[in-house]
Protein backbone atom coordinates (compact mmCIF):
# COMPACT_ATOMS: atom_id res chain seq x y z
CA UNK A 1 31.34 -27.41 -1.65
CA UNK A 2 33.58 -26.35 1.21
CA UNK A 3 37.33 -25.67 1.35
CA UNK A 4 39.07 -27.75 4.00
CA UNK A 5 42.57 -26.68 5.04
CA UNK A 6 45.06 -28.75 7.04
CA UNK A 7 48.04 -27.32 8.92
CA UNK A 8 51.17 -28.68 10.65
CA UNK A 9 51.05 -32.39 11.53
CA UNK A 10 47.43 -32.65 10.35
CA UNK A 11 48.62 -31.80 6.82
CA UNK A 12 51.50 -34.27 7.16
CA UNK A 13 49.21 -37.15 8.17
CA UNK A 14 46.63 -36.46 5.46
CA UNK A 15 49.18 -35.53 2.81
CA UNK A 16 47.29 -32.49 1.53
CA UNK A 17 47.41 -28.81 2.47
CA UNK A 18 43.88 -28.15 1.18
CA UNK A 19 40.98 -29.83 -0.61
CA UNK A 20 37.43 -29.09 -1.66
CA UNK A 21 34.90 -31.35 -0.01
CA UNK A 22 31.32 -32.02 -1.02
CA UNK A 23 29.54 -32.56 2.28
CA UNK A 24 26.11 -32.89 3.80
CA UNK A 25 27.55 -32.40 7.30
CA UNK A 26 25.58 -30.11 9.60
CA UNK A 27 28.42 -29.50 12.07
CA UNK A 28 32.21 -29.64 12.22
CA UNK A 29 31.96 -32.94 14.11
CA UNK A 30 29.79 -34.39 11.32
CA UNK A 31 32.37 -33.29 8.74
CA UNK A 32 35.13 -34.97 10.74
CA UNK A 33 33.14 -38.21 10.81
CA UNK A 34 32.69 -38.04 7.02
CA UNK A 35 36.42 -37.45 6.54
CA UNK A 36 37.41 -40.24 8.95
CA UNK A 37 35.24 -42.68 7.00
CA UNK A 38 37.14 -41.90 3.77
CA UNK A 39 40.55 -43.40 4.42
CA UNK A 40 42.86 -44.50 7.23
CA UNK A 41 45.01 -41.37 6.91
CA UNK A 42 42.01 -39.17 7.79
CA UNK A 43 41.09 -41.46 10.69
CA UNK A 44 44.67 -41.12 11.98
CA UNK A 45 44.67 -37.33 11.64
CA UNK A 46 41.35 -36.97 13.51
CA UNK A 47 41.89 -39.74 16.08
CA UNK A 48 42.45 -37.33 18.99
CA UNK A 49 40.24 -34.25 18.74
CA UNK A 50 41.69 -32.86 21.98
CA UNK A 51 44.89 -32.26 19.98
CA UNK A 52 43.04 -30.27 17.32
CA UNK A 53 41.54 -26.84 16.88
CA UNK A 54 39.18 -25.71 14.14
CA UNK A 55 38.46 -22.38 12.49
CA UNK A 56 35.43 -21.57 10.34
CA UNK A 57 36.07 -18.79 7.83
CA UNK A 58 39.18 -17.90 9.88
CA UNK A 59 37.35 -17.62 13.21
CA UNK A 60 38.06 -20.13 15.98
CA UNK A 61 35.10 -22.44 16.54
CA UNK A 62 34.02 -25.53 18.47
CA UNK A 63 33.46 -28.98 16.98
CA UNK A 64 29.70 -28.65 17.44
CA UNK A 65 29.60 -25.43 15.39
CA UNK A 66 27.18 -25.46 12.44
CA UNK A 67 28.58 -25.44 8.91
CA UNK A 68 25.67 -23.58 7.30
CA UNK A 69 27.05 -20.78 5.16
CA UNK A 70 30.68 -21.64 5.95
CA UNK A 71 33.11 -21.49 3.01
CA UNK A 72 36.32 -22.61 4.72
CA UNK A 73 37.16 -25.04 7.52
CA UNK A 74 40.74 -25.18 8.83
CA UNK A 75 42.15 -27.86 11.14
CA UNK A 76 45.36 -27.24 13.10
CA UNK A 77 47.07 -28.12 16.38
CA UNK A 78 46.66 -25.80 19.37
CA UNK A 79 48.87 -22.76 19.21
CA UNK A 80 51.56 -22.55 21.83
CA UNK A 81 52.53 -19.29 23.44
CA UNK A 82 56.03 -17.94 23.31
């Protein structure tokens, strides 16, 4: 079981701030594919991965990062400077 957190417009599209997901995904990209297959709202939220960033246990990661041992995955838009 893994905690999946959604921030900003990702949360708005999915309609949840956080959920626990039972997954067999090996990587972040695999997890995204599992989520997209669930419902249209997930497919919409993950349609453009270039507009997304991911953190594993609060550390920035890439979409090909392995999920082994990870407790929390967070999806959010890129941060803007200012």
